[in-house]
Protein backbone atom coordinates (compact mmCIF):
# COMPACT_ATOMS: atom_id res chain seq x y z
CA UNK A 1 191.07 138.54 127.04
CA UNK A 2 188.84 137.68 124.11
CA UNK A 3 186.71 139.86 121.93
CA UNK A 4 183.38 140.93 123.30
CA UNK A 5 180.18 139.69 121.78
CA UNK A 6 178.74 142.02 119.17
CA UNK A 7 175.68 142.32 121.37
CA UNK A 8 175.63 143.41 124.99
CA UNK A 9 173.15 144.25 127.71
CA UNK A 10 172.96 147.58 129.48
CA UNK A 11 173.83 148.12 133.12
CA UNK A 12 170.25 148.18 134.39
CA UNK A 13 169.44 144.90 132.66
CA UNK A 14 172.59 143.28 134.06
CA UNK A 15 171.73 144.45 137.58
CA UNK A 16 168.22 143.09 137.14
CA UNK A 17 169.62 139.68 136.19
CA UNK A 18 171.94 139.74 139.22
CA UNK A 19 168.92 140.35 141.47
CA UNK A 20 167.04 137.53 139.75
CA UNK A 21 169.99 135.24 140.44
CA UNK A 22 169.82 136.21 144.11
CA UNK A 23 166.16 135.22 144.06
CA UNK A 24 167.06 131.95 142.35
CA UNK A 25 169.50 131.18 145.17
CA UNK A 26 166.71 131.71 147.68
CA UNK A 27 164.51 129.37 145.63
CA UNK A 28 167.35 126.85 145.57
CA UNK A 29 167.70 126.99 149.36
CA UNK A 30 163.96 126.44 149.82
CA UNK A 31 164.03 123.53 147.37
CA UNK A 32 166.85 121.93 149.36
CA UNK A 33 164.93 122.35 152.63
CA UNK A 34 161.81 120.76 151.11
CA UNK A 35 163.82 117.91 149.66
CA UNK A 36 165.61 117.12 152.92
CA UNK A 37 162.37 117.36 154.90
CA UNK A 38 160.76 114.91 152.49
CA UNK A 39 163.65 112.44 153.01
CA UNK A 40 163.89 112.81 156.78
CA UNK A 41 160.14 112.71 157.36
CA UNK A 42 159.80 109.88 154.82
CA UNK A 43 157.03 111.67 152.99
CA UNK A 44 155.47 109.68 150.16
CA UNK A 45 154.80 112.51 147.70
CA UNK A 46 158.00 112.21 145.64
CA UNK A 47 156.56 112.68 142.16
CA UNK A 48 157.77 116.27 141.85
CA UNK A 49 161.34 115.06 142.46
CA UNK A 50 161.14 111.82 140.48
CA UNK A 51 159.85 113.43 137.31
CA UNK A 52 162.61 113.37 134.61
CA UNK A 53 161.60 116.94 133.70
CA UNK A 54 161.77 118.20 137.28
CA UNK A 55 164.57 120.61 136.33
CA UNK A 56 162.16 122.32 133.93
CA UNK A 57 159.20 122.57 136.29
CA UNK A 58 160.83 123.81 139.52
CA UNK A 59 160.78 127.56 140.16
CA UNK A 60 164.29 128.11 138.86
CA UNK A 61 163.59 125.97 135.81
CA UNK A 62 160.49 127.98 134.95
CA UNK A 63 162.37 131.26 135.37
CA UNK A 64 165.29 130.02 133.30
CA UNK A 65 162.94 128.76 130.60
CA UNK A 66 161.29 132.18 130.35
CA UNK A 67 164.54 133.95 129.45
CA UNK A 68 164.58 135.11 125.80
CA UNK A 69 167.14 133.56 123.48
CA UNK A 70 168.58 137.01 122.66
CA UNK A 71 169.43 137.52 126.33
CA UNK A 72 171.05 134.10 126.64
CA UNK A 73 173.15 134.89 123.57
CA UNK A 74 174.48 137.99 125.33
CA UNK A 75 175.05 136.09 128.57
CA UNK A 76 176.67 132.70 127.89
CA UNK A 77 177.37 132.25 131.62
CA UNK A 78 173.62 132.30 132.30
CA UNK A 79 173.10 129.61 129.66
CA UNK A 80 175.76 127.49 131.35
CA UNK A 81 173.67 127.26 134.52
CA UNK A 82 171.45 124.76 132.74
CA UNK A 83 173.79 121.77 133.08
CA UNK A 84 174.63 121.98 136.83
CA UNK A 85 170.94 122.60 137.56
CA UNK A 86 169.88 119.49 135.65
CA UNK A 87 172.70 117.44 137.21
CA UNK A 88 171.44 118.37 140.68
CA UNK A 89 167.91 117.20 139.84
CA UNK A 90 169.27 114.01 138.27
CA UNK A 91 171.27 113.33 141.46
CA UNK A 92 168.17 113.92 143.59
CA UNK A 93 166.20 111.42 141.52
CA UNK A 94 168.95 108.79 141.81
CA UNK A 95 169.12 109.32 145.57
CA UNK A 96 165.38 108.78 145.91
CA UNK A 97 165.62 105.63 143.79
CA UNK A 98 168.37 104.30 146.05
CA UNK A 99 166.28 105.02 149.16
CA UNK A 100 163.07 103.55 147.77
CA UNK A 101 164.82 100.39 146.59
CA UNK A 102 166.53 100.14 149.97
CA UNK A 103 169.89 99.82 148.28
CA UNK A 104 173.01 98.94 150.21
CA UNK A 105 174.22 101.51 152.71
CA UNK A 106 177.32 102.36 150.66
CA UNK A 107 175.22 102.92 147.54
CA UNK A 108 172.85 105.23 149.39
CA UNK A 109 175.78 107.12 150.91
CA UNK A 110 177.40 107.61 147.50
CA UNK A 111 174.09 108.79 146.04
CA UNK A 112 173.64 111.27 148.88
CA UNK A 113 177.20 112.63 148.58
CA UNK A 114 176.75 113.06 144.83
CA UNK A 115 173.51 114.95 145.44
CA UNK A 116 175.17 117.25 148.00
CA UNK A 117 178.11 117.91 145.65
CA UNK A 118 175.86 118.77 142.69
CA UNK A 119 173.68 121.08 144.79
CA UNK A 120 176.80 122.95 145.95
CA UNK A 121 178.12 123.06 142.37
CA UNK A 122 174.86 124.66 141.26
CA UNK A 123 175.07 127.29 143.99
CA UNK A 124 178.68 128.08 143.08
CA UNK A 125 177.73 128.33 139.39
CA UNK A 126 175.14 130.98 140.24
CA UNK A 127 177.64 132.95 142.31
CA UNK A 128 180.21 132.72 139.51
CA UNK A 129 177.63 133.97 137.02
CA UNK A 130 176.85 136.96 139.25
CA UNK A 131 180.55 137.74 139.53
CA UNK A 132 180.94 137.63 135.75
CA UNK A 133 178.01 140.00 135.32
CA UNK A 134 179.46 142.47 137.82
CA UNK A 135 182.78 142.32 136.00
CA UNK A 136 181.02 142.99 132.72
CA UNK A 137 179.31 146.06 134.18
CA UNK A 138 182.71 147.40 135.24
CA UNK A 139 184.67 146.60 132.07
CA UNK A 140 182.34 146.87 129.08
CA UNK A 141 180.98 149.86 127.20
CA UNK A 142 177.29 149.04 127.24
CA UNK A 143 176.33 150.93 124.11
CA UNK A 144 178.77 149.13 121.82
CA UNK A 145 179.80 145.96 123.65
CA UNK A 146 183.47 146.90 123.27
CA UNK A 147 185.81 146.99 126.25
CA UNK A 148 185.91 150.37 128.02
CA UNK A 149 188.89 152.65 128.65
CA UNK A 150 189.45 151.37 132.18
CA UNK A 151 189.97 147.88 130.80
CA UNK A 152 192.05 149.29 127.95
CA UNK A 153 194.72 150.67 130.26
CA UNK A 154 195.43 147.39 132.03
CA UNK A 155 195.23 145.31 128.83
CA UNK A 156 197.61 147.56 126.89
CA UNK A 157 200.11 147.49 129.74
CA UNK A 158 200.21 143.71 129.37
CA UNK A 159 200.88 144.01 125.64
CA UNK A 160 203.58 146.64 126.22
CA UNK A 161 205.29 144.28 128.67
CA UNK A 162 205.29 141.52 126.06
CA UNK A 163 206.90 143.94 123.59
CA UNK A 164 209.53 144.93 126.16
CA UNK A 165 210.45 141.28 126.66
CA UNK A 166 211.05 141.11 122.93
CA UNK A 167 208.59 138.27 122.52
CA UNK A 168 206.27 139.99 120.07
CA UNK A 169 205.30 143.13 118.21
CA UNK A 170 202.02 144.94 118.74
CA UNK A 171 200.25 147.60 116.69
CA UNK A 172 197.68 150.10 117.93
CA UNK A 173 195.11 151.87 115.78
CA UNK A 174 192.68 154.67 116.57
CA UNK A 175 189.57 154.56 114.39
CA UNK A 176 187.42 157.67 113.96
CA UNK A 177 184.10 157.62 112.12
CA UNK A 178 184.11 160.23 109.36
CA UNK A 179 181.61 163.10 109.65
CA UNK A 180 179.76 161.37 112.47
CA UNK A 181 178.22 164.66 113.63
CA UNK A 182 176.31 164.76 110.35
CA UNK A 183 174.72 161.40 111.21
CA UNK A 184 173.46 162.77 114.52
CA UNK A 185 172.32 166.04 112.95
CA UNK A 186 170.53 164.43 110.00
CA UNK A 187 169.07 161.29 111.58
CA UNK A 188 169.10 162.00 115.32
CA UNK A 189 171.11 160.69 118.24
CA UNK A 190 169.25 157.33 118.50
CA UNK A 191 170.35 156.62 114.93
CA UNK A 192 173.87 157.71 115.87
CA UNK A 193 173.87 155.23 118.73
CA UNK A 194 172.80 152.47 116.35
CA UNK A 195 175.66 153.38 114.02
CA UNK A 196 178.21 153.27 116.86
CA UNK A 197 176.91 149.92 118.05
CA UNK A 198 176.85 148.51 114.51
CA UNK A 199 180.37 149.71 113.72
CA UNK A 200 181.71 148.21 116.95
CA UNK A 201 180.10 144.89 116.10
CA UNK A 202 181.42 145.09 112.55
CA UNK A 203 184.97 145.75 113.74
CA UNK A 204 184.89 142.87 116.21
CA UNK A 205 183.70 140.48 113.53
CA UNK A 206 186.34 141.65 111.07
CA UNK A 207 189.21 141.41 113.53
CA UNK A 208 190.97 138.21 114.52
CA UNK A 209 190.09 136.27 117.66
CA UNK A 210 193.07 137.67 119.58
CA UNK A 211 192.62 141.31 118.53
CA UNK A 212 190.83 143.63 120.95
CA UNK A 213 188.39 146.49 120.39
CA UNK A 214 188.05 149.30 122.94
CA UNK A 215 185.60 152.21 123.00
CA UNK A 216 188.07 155.08 123.13
CA UNK A 217 185.52 157.87 123.37
CA UNK A 218 182.79 159.50 121.30
CA UNK A 219 182.94 158.01 117.83
CA UNK A 220 186.48 156.70 118.28
CA UNK A 221 187.62 153.13 118.85
CA UNK A 222 191.09 151.86 119.70
CA UNK A 223 192.18 148.55 118.19
CA UNK A 224 194.95 146.47 119.71
CA UNK A 225 196.57 144.10 117.21
CA UNK A 226 198.98 141.76 119.05
CA UNK A 227 201.73 139.94 117.17
CA UNK A 228 201.30 142.33 114.24
CA UNK A 229 204.02 144.44 112.67
CA UNK A 230 203.20 147.90 111.37
CA UNK A 231 203.19 147.05 107.66
CA UNK A 232 200.96 144.03 108.34
CA UNK A 233 198.60 146.15 110.42
CA UNK A 234 198.34 148.79 107.68
CA UNK A 235 197.35 146.22 105.06
CA UNK A 236 194.93 144.51 107.44
CA UNK A 237 193.24 147.76 108.43
CA UNK A 238 192.89 148.87 104.84
CA UNK A 239 190.83 145.77 104.12
CA UNK A 240 188.64 146.50 107.13
CA UNK A 241 188.27 150.13 106.05
CA UNK A 242 187.12 149.12 102.56
CA UNK A 243 184.68 146.57 103.95
CA UNK A 244 183.25 149.11 106.39
CA UNK A 245 182.63 151.66 103.62
CA UNK A 246 180.63 149.04 101.71
CA UNK A 247 178.69 147.90 104.79
CA UNK A 248 175.06 149.01 105.16
CA UNK A 249 173.83 149.93 108.65
CA UNK A 250 170.14 149.88 109.44
CA UNK A 251 169.15 152.98 111.42
CA UNK A 252 165.39 152.48 111.13
CA UNK A 253 163.10 149.87 109.64
CA UNK A 254 163.81 149.78 105.92
CA UNK A 255 166.36 152.60 106.12
CA UNK A 256 170.10 152.02 105.91
CA UNK A 257 173.16 154.22 105.60
CA UNK A 258 176.87 153.61 105.12
CA UNK A 259 179.73 155.25 106.98
CA UNK A 260 183.46 155.45 106.48
CA UNK A 261 186.29 155.78 108.98
CA UNK A 262 189.82 157.09 109.23
CA UNK A 263 192.54 154.93 110.77
CA UNK A 264 195.76 156.00 112.44
CA UNK A 265 198.10 153.14 113.29
CA UNK A 266 201.48 152.77 114.95
CA UNK A 267 203.53 150.08 116.64
CA UNK A 268 204.29 150.00 120.36
CA UNK A 269 207.97 150.74 120.78
CA UNK A 270 210.28 148.96 123.17
CA UNK A 271 210.66 150.81 126.49
CA UNK A 272 208.01 153.42 125.71
CA UNK A 273 204.87 154.23 127.65
CA UNK A 274 201.45 153.28 126.39
CA UNK A 275 200.42 156.93 126.44
CA UNK A 276 203.25 157.76 124.01
CA UNK A 277 202.16 154.99 121.63
CA UNK A 278 198.53 156.13 121.78
CA UNK A 279 199.56 159.73 121.17
CA UNK A 280 201.49 158.65 118.09
CA UNK A 281 198.48 156.68 116.81
CA UNK A 282 196.41 159.81 117.34
CA UNK A 283 198.91 161.83 115.29
CA UNK A 284 198.63 159.23 112.54
CA UNK A 285 194.84 159.60 112.68
CA UNK A 286 195.17 163.37 112.21
CA UNK A 287 197.29 162.68 109.14
CA UNK A 288 194.58 160.36 107.78
CA UNK A 289 192.00 163.10 108.23
CA UNK A 290 194.28 165.64 106.57
CA UNK A 291 194.60 163.31 103.58
CA UNK A 292 190.86 163.39 103.00
CA UNK A 293 189.58 160.80 105.51
CA UNK A 294 188.52 157.22 104.75
CA UNK A 295 192.13 156.07 104.66
CA UNK A 296 194.80 154.45 106.82
CA UNK A 297 197.85 156.41 107.89
CA UNK A 298 200.75 154.60 109.57
CA UNK A 299 203.29 156.32 111.82
CA UNK A 300 206.56 154.42 111.88
CA UNK A 301 208.81 155.11 114.89
CA UNK A 302 211.85 154.34 112.72
CA UNK A 303 211.16 157.33 110.50
CA UNK A 304 210.41 159.95 113.19
């Protein structure tokens, strides 16, 4: 599992896109019917299919072209529909060329089979994209773009199993934003939401590609740091903590604030439950708060 994008879409927007993809499938089916009718009935009006830009001017192409870049950035699987869609139109154009030039039977057959394959590939790509969106709805916290707690449980079990096999070490950290209630009280809950989203994005950019950020609850995040020993995790998190304190977060146009966070970190022990490791990280977080906040406190199982 890789890190989430720093931007995400909310559930309603994702559901809207899924419905639009259903509509695009219906458009695709109608396009196929029209194309086959044109071939079978030997209709002469082939310009719409022969145009090199046909993939941009069909109904799906116009819908796809209307999607804002910001949305495509959040949904890379949507962007990836572009290639199979164009390949299908290219195959249709080559098939028509083969028919009009009265090419050899084998050449026409190959062109037709390629067209059928690409049209099926496009349909499957749409279905795959819908499946990915549904999975995102179920696994992602839509305010912050971090993975949610349901995903956290299964992912941490995998890491604990790797630790049990003795193949790696893994550290867990609970991050709590300091005095977050004051942000909500002073600037309002919309500003608080912007801070949570910005901090989540900041953490995901600061962490390594194989680290994972989960929305633990409220203003708390849980960080999973695979292949990281406790002393390494403590040093790493201290750098992130310092960078976060210096980071400016825009809560309104022309208005920024900075926030700090407390970090509790521990290492998953061999043959212990995930809940025990998380509880120990939470105890470490309480120690960080007791020490004045904006610090990292490590809880070493070897010194319990």
